[in-house]
C-alpha atoms as a PDB file:
ATOM      1  CA  MET A   1      38.433  32.558 -41.263  1.00  0.00           C
ATOM      2  CA  SER A   2      35.358  30.740 -39.913  1.00  0.00           C
ATOM      3  CA  GLU A   3      32.136  30.098 -41.711  1.00  0.00           C
ATOM      4  CA  PHE A   4      28.878  29.838 -39.823  1.00  0.00           C
ATOM      5  CA  LYS A   5      25.211  29.253 -40.655  1.00  0.00           C
ATOM      6  CA  PHE A   6      22.206  30.589 -38.737  1.00  0.00           C
ATOM      7  CA  GLU A   7      19.758  27.802 -38.010  1.00  0.00           C
ATOM      8  CA  GLU A   8      17.574  29.361 -35.303  1.00  0.00           C
ATOM      9  CA  GLY A   9      16.762  32.773 -33.925  1.00  0.00           C
ATOM     10  CA  ILE A  10      15.689  33.190 -30.285  1.00  0.00           C
ATOM     11  CA  ILE A  11      13.735  36.107 -28.850  1.00  0.00           C
ATOM     12  CA  GLY A  12      13.787  36.141 -25.043  1.00  0.00           C
ATOM     13  CA  THR A  13      10.767  37.255 -23.075  1.00  0.00           C
ATOM     14  CA  PRO A  14      11.206  40.488 -21.159  1.00  0.00           C
ATOM     15  CA  GLN A  15      11.309  40.607 -17.387  1.00  0.00           C
ATOM     16  CA  LEU A  16       8.678  43.155 -16.517  1.00  0.00           C
ATOM     17  CA  THR A  17       8.294  45.065 -13.316  1.00  0.00           C
ATOM     18  CA  ASP A  18       5.038  44.053 -11.742  1.00  0.00           C
ATOM     19  CA  TRP A  19       4.627  46.890  -9.280  1.00  0.00           C
ATOM     20  CA  LEU A  20       3.637  50.484  -9.860  1.00  0.00           C
ATOM     21  CA  GLU A  21       3.876  52.949  -7.036  1.00  0.00           C
ATOM     22  CA  ILE A  22       1.155  55.595  -7.079  1.00  0.00           C
ATOM     23  CA  PRO A  23       1.712  58.707  -4.908  1.00  0.00           C
ATOM     24  CA  GLU A  24      -0.966  59.936  -2.522  1.00  0.00           C
ATOM     25  CA  ASN A  25      -1.164  63.229  -4.377  1.00  0.00           C
ATOM     26  CA  VAL A  26       0.207  64.951  -7.467  1.00  0.00           C
ATOM     27  CA  GLU A  27       0.584  68.557  -8.456  1.00  0.00           C
ATOM     28  CA  PHE A  28      -0.951  69.576 -11.781  1.00  0.00           C
ATOM     29  CA  LEU A  29      -0.942  73.196 -13.058  1.00  0.00           C
ATOM     30  CA  GLY A  30      -0.176  74.425  -9.557  1.00  0.00           C
ATOM     31  CA  GLN A  31      -3.031  72.469  -7.965  1.00  0.00           C
ATOM     32  CA  LYS A  32      -2.461  69.604  -5.571  1.00  0.00           C
ATOM     33  CA  ILE A  33      -4.703  66.665  -6.467  1.00  0.00           C
ATOM     34  CA  ASP A  34      -5.470  64.064  -3.819  1.00  0.00           C
ATOM     35  CA  LEU A  35      -5.379  60.574  -5.307  1.00  0.00           C
ATOM     36  CA  THR A  36      -6.438  58.634  -2.200  1.00  0.00           C
ATOM     37  CA  PRO A  37     -10.101  58.375  -3.370  1.00  0.00           C
ATOM     38  CA  PHE A  38      -8.811  56.458  -6.377  1.00  0.00           C
ATOM     39  CA  LYS A  39      -6.755  53.988  -4.364  1.00  0.00           C
ATOM     40  CA  GLY A  40      -9.242  51.146  -4.966  1.00  0.00           C
ATOM     41  CA  ILE A  41      -9.084  51.658  -8.744  1.00  0.00           C
ATOM     42  CA  PHE A  42      -5.332  51.848  -8.688  1.00  0.00           C
ATOM     43  CA  THR A  43      -5.168  48.640  -6.627  1.00  0.00           C
ATOM     44  CA  SER A  44      -7.402  46.837  -9.159  1.00  0.00           C
ATOM     45  CA  VAL A  45      -5.276  48.073 -12.073  1.00  0.00           C
ATOM     46  CA  GLN A  46      -2.122  47.122 -10.148  1.00  0.00           C
ATOM     47  CA  ASP A  47      -3.348  43.583  -9.540  1.00  0.00           C
ATOM     48  CA  THR A  48      -4.234  43.158 -13.232  1.00  0.00           C
ATOM     49  CA  ALA A  49      -0.852  44.604 -14.381  1.00  0.00           C
ATOM     50  CA  SER A  50       0.959  42.325 -11.960  1.00  0.00           C
ATOM     51  CA  SER A  51      -0.884  39.287 -13.288  1.00  0.00           C
ATOM     52  CA  VAL A  52      -0.085  40.270 -16.916  1.00  0.00           C
ATOM     53  CA  ALA A  53       3.561  40.918 -16.097  1.00  0.00           C
ATOM     54  CA  ARG A  54       3.959  37.527 -14.386  1.00  0.00           C
ATOM     55  CA  THR A  55       2.270  35.773 -17.376  1.00  0.00           C
ATOM     56  CA  ILE A  56       4.473  37.483 -19.922  1.00  0.00           C
ATOM     57  CA  SER A  57       7.685  37.083 -17.938  1.00  0.00           C
ATOM     58  CA  SER A  58       7.144  33.393 -17.353  1.00  0.00           C
ATOM     59  CA  GLN A  59       6.840  32.540 -21.032  1.00  0.00           C
ATOM     60  CA  PRO A  60       9.726  30.565 -22.598  1.00  0.00           C
ATOM     61  CA  PRO A  61      11.801  32.259 -25.297  1.00  0.00           C
ATOM     62  CA  LEU A  62      10.317  32.332 -28.800  1.00  0.00           C
ATOM     63  CA  LYS A  63      12.397  30.162 -31.104  1.00  0.00           C
ATOM     64  CA  ILE A  64      12.241  30.890 -34.834  1.00  0.00           C
ATOM     65  CA  PRO A  65      13.766  28.367 -37.272  1.00  0.00           C
ATOM     66  CA  ILE A  66      15.806  29.855 -40.091  1.00  0.00           C
ATOM     67  CA  SER A  67      15.659  27.698 -43.197  1.00  0.00           C
ATOM     68  CA  ASN A  68      16.984  30.175 -45.735  1.00  0.00           C
ATOM     69  CA  SER A  69      20.165  28.894 -47.387  1.00  0.00           C
ATOM     70  CA  ASN A  70      21.450  32.502 -47.562  1.00  0.00           C
ATOM     71  CA  ALA A  71      21.470  32.687 -43.746  1.00  0.00           C
ATOM     72  CA  GLN A  72      25.215  32.086 -43.532  1.00  0.00           C
ATOM     73  CA  SER A  73      28.246  34.258 -43.198  1.00  0.00           C
ATOM     74  CA  TRP A  74      31.906  34.234 -42.305  1.00  0.00           C
ATOM     75  CA  LEU A  75      34.039  35.842 -39.663  1.00  0.00           C
ATOM     76  CA  LEU A  76      37.709  36.736 -39.837  1.00  0.00           C
ATOM     77  CA  THR A  77      38.900  36.608 -36.251  1.00  0.00           C
ATOM     78  CA  THR A  78      42.086  38.013 -34.723  1.00  0.00           C
ATOM     79  CA  TYR A  79      42.887  36.694 -31.221  1.00  0.00           C
ATOM     80  CA  LEU A  80      44.724  39.472 -29.354  1.00  0.00           C
ATOM     81  CA  ASP A  81      45.142  37.434 -26.088  1.00  0.00           C
ATOM     82  CA  GLN A  82      43.251  34.914 -23.951  1.00  0.00           C
ATOM     83  CA  GLU A  83      40.480  37.440 -23.139  1.00  0.00           C
ATOM     84  CA  LEU A  84      40.120  39.604 -26.214  1.00  0.00           C
ATOM     85  CA  ARG A  85      39.435  39.006 -29.898  1.00  0.00           C
ATOM     86  CA  ILE A  86      38.304  41.162 -32.788  1.00  0.00           C
ATOM     87  CA  SER A  87      36.219  39.749 -35.663  1.00  0.00           C
ATOM     88  CA  ARG A  88      35.149  41.155 -39.008  1.00  0.00           C
ATOM     89  CA  ALA A  89      32.092  39.716 -40.786  1.00  0.00           C
ATOM     90  CA  ASP A  90      31.584  39.424 -44.526  1.00  0.00           C
ATOM     91  CA  GLY A  91      29.260  42.446 -44.446  1.00  0.00           C
ATOM     92  CA  GLY A  92      32.039  44.640 -42.955  1.00  0.00           C
ATOM     93  CA  SER A  93      30.691  44.558 -39.406  1.00  0.00           C
ATOM     94  CA  ILE A  94      33.331  44.583 -36.660  1.00  0.00           C
ATOM     95  CA  PHE A  95      32.872  42.800 -33.344  1.00  0.00           C
ATOM     96  CA  VAL A  96      35.022  43.225 -30.209  1.00  0.00           C
ATOM     97  CA  LEU A  97      34.541  40.140 -28.024  1.00  0.00           C
ATOM     98  CA  ILE A  98      35.658  40.033 -24.397  1.00  0.00           C
ATOM     99  CA  LYS A  99      35.649  36.692 -22.543  1.00  0.00           C
ATOM    100  CA  GLU A 100      33.100  36.503 -19.714  1.00  0.00           C
ATOM    101  CA  GLY A 101      34.712  37.173 -16.317  1.00  0.00           C
ATOM    102  CA  SER A 102      37.553  39.135 -17.887  1.00  0.00           C
ATOM    103  CA  SER A 103      39.146  41.949 -15.874  1.00  0.00           C
ATOM    104  CA  LEU A 104      38.606  44.102 -19.006  1.00  0.00           C
ATOM    105  CA  LEU A 105      34.851  44.189 -18.178  1.00  0.00           C
ATOM    106  CA  THR A 106      35.455  46.098 -14.912  1.00  0.00           C
ATOM    107  CA  ILE A 107      37.343  48.980 -16.570  1.00  0.00           C
END
């Protein structure tokens, strides 16, 4: 049995797509609508969205300290082999852990 204590939580920043492809026309209620007159507006919105996506995606992860003394738990771990183990936490949660690079990940 292993005891562990949570000291910090980390929330990673998302990697956002910074490109939106707008078609030249769309069909709405059976009518084909030409979007080429709006190309300048779409380009402006695209540039702004791209800038926002780059700004958000380049931010470092948000680190949150955990100072609560109740932020601890235990795991009962069974090692099945060199690549696979099963753990049960004190709350009853079950975790199946596979070693990175294991052939089990390609099944």
